[in-house]
Amino acid sequence: SANIDSASSHILNQIYTNHFRGNIEAFSFHNNANFTLQKFLLYCNNQALVNMIIQEIIPIFNNLLTKARAGVILSVIQAAVDNNCEDNFKNLYKTILSSVVDDVSKERKYFIPILIDILAPQRPRINLNALFSNNKKKKRNNALSLFSRICQALLDFPVIYSKIIANSFLSLSVEDLYGLCIDASGSHLIEKLIKEECGKNVKQKIIMRLKDNFKDLARTKFGSLCIDQFYLCSNLETKEIIAKQLSLAQNELSNNVFGIICMNNCKVKQYNDKPEHWKESQESDLKKRKYFEDILDFDPNE
């Protein structure tokens, strides 16, 4: 295990041939060897090797899920993305969905809520009516972190698959969406969801579901970063809703370092003092963003 990170492609191939091939299931469920397999997948840049490992993983995927081997799941999904294993994206996608929901055609919209219950059943439960009644610093939840990283990797699948994953976030409760926003890894997941192509049809709905909680999100380190991204990725109407919600809580947010930064990034002072100028400025920014997006999407062969 200690030598994997410095091994050449040739050595990695030999390690797979002599030790891993045919033994992926045993490595996956061994208390120590599963970490060696994860490390191998992290440093393996051979698409053929990763494809062979995926073929051994697929038949045991359901067991990996039920026996708390989220680290192995994350490693194989991330390796598939990093090595562009396009021949196995469909197989992995179908295997993952069928391992989580009973009827893929009818229940795939509940994929994310069921997955978070499987992988992070002990995640902190958010009481939206008493968010700041307890000021104790919360410990990082490793299970929630693994769930978030797995989902981020799934959102990097081809859009035909990742958009279905993205759509299932709409079935999460507001409490779980809030919980992800204020978590270190979860906030990265939410940001990725609203920025990626696969999430373009859900981002405004996700943002609006959290509308009543902007004030509380803005007072947290990672929640405030999510609001910054909400603001950047929104249309004018949603930007105005965000600015208005923050403006209504201005007195409370002014006493919080994250709230102050969030209000500055979302131009709340300009919104309050010169609303027409704020609107013109935001319309101009949106036009510039659209212009540059069109340039980046331009295909000279079309």
Protein backbone atom coordinates (compact mmCIF):
# COMPACT_ATOMS: atom_id res chain seq x y z
CA SER A 1 0.00 0.00 0.00
CA ALA A 2 2.81 2.40 0.85
CA ASN A 3 4.36 2.02 -2.61
CA ILE A 4 1.23 2.45 -4.73
CA ASP A 5 1.41 6.25 -4.90
CA SER A 6 4.89 6.12 -6.45
CA ALA A 7 4.42 3.04 -8.63
CA SER A 8 4.66 3.28 -12.42
CA SER A 9 1.81 2.16 -14.69
CA HIS A 10 3.76 -1.03 -15.39
CA ILE A 11 4.10 -1.82 -11.68
CA LEU A 12 0.41 -1.04 -11.04
CA ASN A 13 -0.46 -3.45 -13.84
CA GLN A 14 1.66 -6.15 -12.19
CA ILE A 15 0.09 -5.47 -8.78
CA TYR A 16 -3.36 -5.88 -10.30
CA THR A 17 -2.43 -9.05 -12.19
CA ASN A 18 -0.67 -10.72 -9.27
CA HIS A 19 -2.84 -9.60 -6.37
CA PHE A 20 -6.12 -7.87 -7.22
CA ARG A 21 -7.49 -9.75 -10.21
CA GLY A 22 -10.19 -12.14 -9.09
CA ASN A 23 -9.89 -10.94 -5.48
CA ILE A 24 -11.68 -7.59 -5.61
CA GLU A 25 -14.57 -8.86 -3.49
CA ALA A 26 -12.22 -10.17 -0.80
CA PHE A 27 -10.23 -6.92 -0.76
CA SER A 28 -13.42 -4.83 -0.65
CA PHE A 29 -14.73 -6.44 2.52
CA HIS A 30 -11.44 -6.90 4.34
CA ASN A 31 -11.08 -4.42 7.20
CA ASN A 32 -7.61 -3.32 6.13
CA ALA A 33 -7.21 -4.42 2.51
CA ASN A 34 -10.18 -2.32 1.36
CA PHE A 35 -8.05 0.79 1.98
CA THR A 36 -5.32 -0.66 -0.24
CA LEU A 37 -7.88 -1.16 -3.00
CA GLN A 38 -9.10 2.42 -2.57
CA LYS A 39 -5.56 3.73 -2.83
CA PHE A 40 -4.91 1.61 -5.92
CA LEU A 41 -7.99 3.07 -7.61
CA LEU A 42 -6.92 6.58 -6.62
CA TYR A 43 -3.54 6.28 -8.35
CA CYS A 44 -4.52 4.00 -11.22
CA ASN A 45 -4.58 5.90 -14.52
CA ASN A 46 -5.09 2.84 -16.70
CA GLN A 47 -8.60 2.77 -18.14
CA ALA A 48 -8.41 -0.94 -18.96
CA LEU A 49 -7.49 -1.84 -15.38
CA VAL A 50 -10.25 0.30 -13.93
CA ASN A 51 -12.76 -1.28 -16.33
CA MET A 52 -11.73 -4.76 -15.17
CA ILE A 53 -12.14 -3.75 -11.52
CA ILE A 54 -15.56 -2.27 -12.29
CA GLN A 55 -16.62 -5.60 -13.81
CA GLU A 56 -15.75 -7.31 -10.52
CA ILE A 57 -17.41 -4.56 -8.44
CA ILE A 58 -20.78 -4.53 -10.24
CA PRO A 59 -21.97 -7.99 -9.01
CA ILE A 60 -21.16 -7.09 -5.38
CA PHE A 61 -22.29 -3.47 -5.43
CA ASN A 62 -25.42 -4.05 -3.39
CA ASN A 63 -23.36 -5.73 -0.67
CA LEU A 64 -20.91 -2.83 -0.67
CA LEU A 65 -23.83 -0.50 -0.06
CA THR A 66 -25.44 -2.50 2.74
CA LYS A 67 -22.16 -3.38 4.49
CA ALA A 68 -20.88 0.17 4.86
CA ARG A 69 -18.17 0.12 2.21
CA ALA A 70 -18.86 3.68 1.01
CA GLY A 71 -15.13 4.33 0.64
CA VAL A 72 -14.80 1.56 -1.93
CA ILE A 73 -17.92 2.80 -3.74
CA LEU A 74 -16.52 6.33 -3.90
CA SER A 75 -13.14 5.09 -5.15
CA VAL A 76 -14.53 3.02 -8.00
CA ILE A 77 -16.97 5.73 -9.13
CA GLN A 78 -14.28 8.41 -9.00
CA ALA A 79 -11.81 6.16 -10.85
CA ALA A 80 -14.41 5.60 -13.58
CA VAL A 81 -14.82 9.37 -13.96
CA ASP A 82 -11.10 10.17 -13.80
CA ASN A 83 -10.27 7.52 -16.41
CA ASN A 84 -13.31 8.27 -18.59
CA CYS A 85 -14.53 4.67 -18.52
CA GLU A 86 -17.30 5.41 -21.01
CA ASP A 87 -17.94 1.72 -21.72
CA ASN A 88 -18.96 1.22 -18.09
CA PHE A 89 -20.82 4.43 -17.23
CA LYS A 90 -24.15 2.93 -18.21
CA ASN A 91 -23.50 -0.32 -16.33
CA LEU A 92 -22.39 1.54 -13.21
CA TYR A 93 -25.33 3.93 -13.37
CA LYS A 94 -27.88 1.10 -13.72
CA THR A 95 -26.20 -0.91 -10.96
CA ILE A 96 -26.13 2.01 -8.54
CA LEU A 97 -29.77 2.95 -9.14
CA SER A 98 -31.05 -0.62 -8.91
CA SER A 99 -29.11 -1.13 -5.66
CA VAL A 100 -30.79 1.89 -4.08
CA VAL A 101 -34.38 1.88 -5.41
CA ASP A 102 -36.63 -1.13 -5.98
CA ASP A 103 -38.31 0.10 -9.18
CA VAL A 104 -35.90 2.28 -11.19
CA SER A 105 -38.53 3.53 -13.65
CA LYS A 106 -40.95 4.67 -10.92
CA GLU A 107 -38.73 5.46 -7.94
CA ARG A 108 -35.55 6.95 -9.40
CA LYS A 109 -36.72 10.41 -8.32
CA TYR A 110 -36.21 9.20 -4.73
CA PHE A 111 -32.65 7.99 -5.38
CA ILE A 112 -30.85 10.72 -3.42
CA PRO A 113 -33.18 10.69 -0.34
CA ILE A 114 -32.85 6.90 -0.07
CA LEU A 115 -29.08 6.99 -0.65
CA ILE A 116 -28.50 9.56 2.09
CA ASP A 117 -30.54 7.42 4.49
CA ILE A 118 -28.42 4.38 3.62
CA LEU A 119 -25.01 6.06 3.75
CA ALA A 120 -25.56 8.67 6.47
CA PRO A 121 -28.37 7.45 8.74
CA GLN A 122 -26.76 9.13 11.78
CA ARG A 123 -26.33 12.51 10.09
CA PRO A 124 -27.22 15.56 12.21
CA ARG A 125 -30.96 16.21 12.14
CA ILE A 126 -31.73 19.87 11.48
CA ASN A 127 -34.47 21.64 13.41
CA LEU A 128 -35.28 24.62 11.21
CA ASN A 129 -37.26 26.20 14.03
CA ALA A 130 -34.32 26.24 16.45
CA LEU A 131 -31.22 26.57 14.31
CA PHE A 132 -29.23 28.78 16.64
CA SER A 133 -30.57 27.60 19.99
CA ASN A 134 -27.41 25.53 20.43
CA ASN A 135 -24.16 27.33 19.74
CA LYS A 136 -21.92 24.30 20.25
CA LYS A 137 -19.58 23.60 17.38
CA LYS A 138 -20.79 20.54 15.49
CA LYS A 139 -18.38 17.73 14.68
CA ARG A 140 -17.78 16.81 11.07
CA ASN A 141 -19.95 13.91 9.97
CA ASN A 142 -17.74 11.51 7.99
CA ALA A 143 -20.66 9.51 6.62
CA LEU A 144 -22.29 12.66 5.25
CA SER A 145 -18.94 13.64 3.75
CA LEU A 146 -18.66 10.30 1.91
CA PHE A 147 -22.25 10.63 0.68
CA SER A 148 -21.48 14.11 -0.65
CA ARG A 149 -18.30 13.02 -2.41
CA ILE A 150 -20.03 10.02 -4.00
CA CYS A 151 -22.79 12.30 -5.30
CA GLN A 152 -20.25 14.78 -6.67
CA ALA A 153 -18.61 11.96 -8.62
CA LEU A 154 -22.00 10.80 -9.93
CA LEU A 155 -22.73 14.33 -11.17
CA ASP A 156 -19.60 14.01 -13.33
CA PHE A 157 -21.15 11.10 -15.24
CA PRO A 158 -22.37 11.87 -18.79
CA VAL A 159 -25.37 14.22 -18.68
CA ILE A 160 -27.79 11.52 -19.84
CA TYR A 161 -27.22 9.84 -16.46
CA SER A 162 -26.18 12.68 -14.17
CA LYS A 163 -29.30 14.76 -14.90
CA ILE A 164 -31.44 11.96 -13.45
CA ILE A 165 -29.27 11.97 -10.33
CA ALA A 166 -29.57 15.77 -10.18
CA ASN A 167 -33.37 15.68 -10.52
CA SER A 168 -33.67 13.36 -7.52
CA PHE A 169 -32.25 16.09 -5.25
CA LEU A 170 -35.67 17.74 -5.51
CA SER A 171 -37.06 14.91 -3.37
CA LEU A 172 -34.77 15.75 -0.45
CA SER A 173 -36.39 17.43 2.53
CA VAL A 174 -35.59 21.10 3.16
CA GLU A 175 -33.89 19.99 6.38
CA ASP A 176 -31.49 17.72 4.47
CA LEU A 177 -30.81 20.38 1.84
CA TYR A 178 -30.01 22.82 4.63
CA GLY A 179 -27.84 20.21 6.35
CA LEU A 180 -25.82 19.73 3.16
CA CYS A 181 -25.38 23.49 2.72
CA ILE A 182 -23.82 23.94 6.16
CA ASP A 183 -21.53 20.90 5.85
CA ALA A 184 -17.98 21.24 4.48
CA SER A 185 -18.38 18.50 1.82
CA GLY A 186 -22.13 18.94 1.45
CA SER A 187 -21.74 22.59 0.48
CA HIS A 188 -19.39 21.57 -2.35
CA LEU A 189 -22.05 19.13 -3.52
CA ILE A 190 -24.79 21.78 -3.55
CA GLU A 191 -22.51 24.23 -5.37
CA LYS A 192 -21.64 21.60 -7.97
CA LEU A 193 -25.31 20.71 -8.41
CA ILE A 194 -26.33 24.26 -9.29
CA LYS A 195 -23.29 24.99 -11.48
CA GLU A 196 -23.13 21.84 -13.64
CA GLU A 197 -25.06 21.30 -16.86
CA CYS A 198 -26.90 18.33 -15.34
CA GLY A 199 -28.45 20.57 -12.69
CA LYS A 200 -29.65 23.44 -14.86
CA ASN A 201 -33.29 22.30 -14.61
CA VAL A 202 -33.27 21.94 -10.83
CA LYS A 203 -31.07 24.77 -9.54
CA GLN A 204 -33.79 27.43 -9.35
CA LYS A 205 -36.13 24.98 -7.58
CA ILE A 206 -33.42 24.03 -5.08
CA ILE A 207 -32.67 27.69 -4.38
CA MET A 208 -36.33 28.57 -3.93
CA ARG A 209 -36.91 25.65 -1.56
CA LEU A 210 -34.26 27.17 0.71
CA LYS A 211 -35.60 30.73 0.37
CA ASP A 212 -36.96 30.95 3.93
CA ASN A 213 -33.61 29.83 5.33
CA PHE A 214 -31.27 32.31 3.60
CA LYS A 215 -30.88 34.33 6.79
CA ASP A 216 -29.71 31.31 8.78
CA LEU A 217 -27.55 29.93 5.98
CA ALA A 218 -25.83 33.31 5.64
CA ARG A 219 -24.71 33.11 9.28
CA THR A 220 -22.76 29.88 8.73
CA LYS A 221 -19.35 29.41 7.11
CA PHE A 222 -20.40 27.00 4.37
CA GLY A 223 -24.03 28.10 4.07
CA SER A 224 -22.92 31.63 3.22
CA LEU A 225 -20.70 30.23 0.44
CA CYS A 226 -23.71 28.39 -0.97
CA ILE A 227 -25.75 31.61 -1.00
CA ASP A 228 -22.90 33.33 -2.86
CA GLN A 229 -23.15 30.64 -5.54
CA PHE A 230 -26.95 30.82 -5.58
CA TYR A 231 -26.67 34.52 -6.30
CA LEU A 232 -24.05 34.09 -9.03
CA CYS A 233 -25.97 31.33 -10.82
CA SER A 234 -29.46 32.88 -10.63
CA ASN A 235 -31.58 34.89 -13.02
CA LEU A 236 -32.53 38.46 -12.13
CA GLU A 237 -35.80 37.50 -10.45
CA THR A 238 -34.09 35.02 -8.11
CA LYS A 239 -31.20 37.42 -7.40
CA GLU A 240 -33.77 39.95 -6.23
CA ILE A 241 -35.41 37.38 -3.94
CA ILE A 242 -32.04 36.54 -2.40
CA ALA A 243 -31.12 40.20 -1.93
CA LYS A 244 -34.53 40.96 -0.42
CA GLN A 245 -34.39 38.05 2.04
CA LEU A 246 -30.92 39.10 3.20
CA SER A 247 -32.00 42.73 3.38
CA LEU A 248 -34.88 41.84 5.71
CA ALA A 249 -32.37 40.18 8.05
CA GLN A 250 -29.76 42.92 7.74
CA ASN A 251 -29.66 43.79 11.45
CA GLU A 252 -28.95 40.20 12.48
CA LEU A 253 -26.50 39.53 9.65
CA SER A 254 -24.55 42.71 10.44
CA ASN A 255 -23.47 41.12 13.71
CA ASN A 256 -22.09 37.99 12.05
CA VAL A 257 -18.84 37.84 10.06
CA PHE A 258 -20.23 35.37 7.52
CA GLY A 259 -23.44 37.38 7.23
CA ILE A 260 -21.50 40.58 6.49
CA ILE A 261 -19.45 38.90 3.75
CA CYS A 262 -22.55 37.29 2.27
CA MET A 263 -24.42 40.62 2.13
CA ASN A 264 -21.43 42.27 0.44
CA ASN A 265 -21.18 39.52 -2.17
CA CYS A 266 -24.91 39.70 -2.87
CA LYS A 267 -24.86 43.52 -3.18
CA VAL A 268 -27.45 44.03 -0.46
CA LYS A 269 -26.40 47.61 0.33
CA GLN A 270 -26.73 48.61 -3.32
CA TYR A 271 -30.09 46.83 -3.47
CA ASN A 272 -31.33 48.85 -0.47
CA ASP A 273 -29.88 52.24 -1.40
CA LYS A 274 -30.20 52.29 -5.19
CA PRO A 275 -32.55 49.51 -6.34
CA GLU A 276 -32.72 50.73 -9.94
CA HIS A 277 -28.96 50.96 -10.21
CA TRP A 278 -28.71 47.49 -8.62
CA LYS A 279 -31.10 46.10 -11.23
CA GLU A 280 -29.20 47.67 -14.13
CA SER A 281 -25.90 46.39 -12.77
CA GLN A 282 -27.23 42.84 -12.38
CA GLU A 283 -28.76 42.85 -15.87
CA SER A 284 -25.41 43.96 -17.26
CA ASP A 285 -23.58 41.20 -15.39
CA LEU A 286 -26.04 38.58 -16.65
CA LYS A 287 -25.56 39.73 -20.25
CA LYS A 288 -21.78 39.54 -19.89
CA ARG A 289 -22.01 36.06 -18.37
CA LYS A 290 -24.27 34.90 -21.21
CA TYR A 291 -21.89 36.40 -23.78
CA PHE A 292 -18.87 34.56 -22.38
CA GLU A 293 -20.84 31.32 -22.00
CA ASP A 294 -21.77 31.53 -25.69
CA ILE A 295 -18.10 32.04 -26.61
CA LEU A 296 -17.02 29.04 -24.54
CA ASP A 297 -19.78 26.88 -26.03
CA PHE A 298 -18.95 27.95 -29.60
CA ASP A 299 -18.07 25.03 -31.89
CA PRO A 300 -16.28 26.17 -35.07
CA ASN A 301 -17.19 22.87 -36.78
CA GLU A 302 -20.94 23.43 -36.51
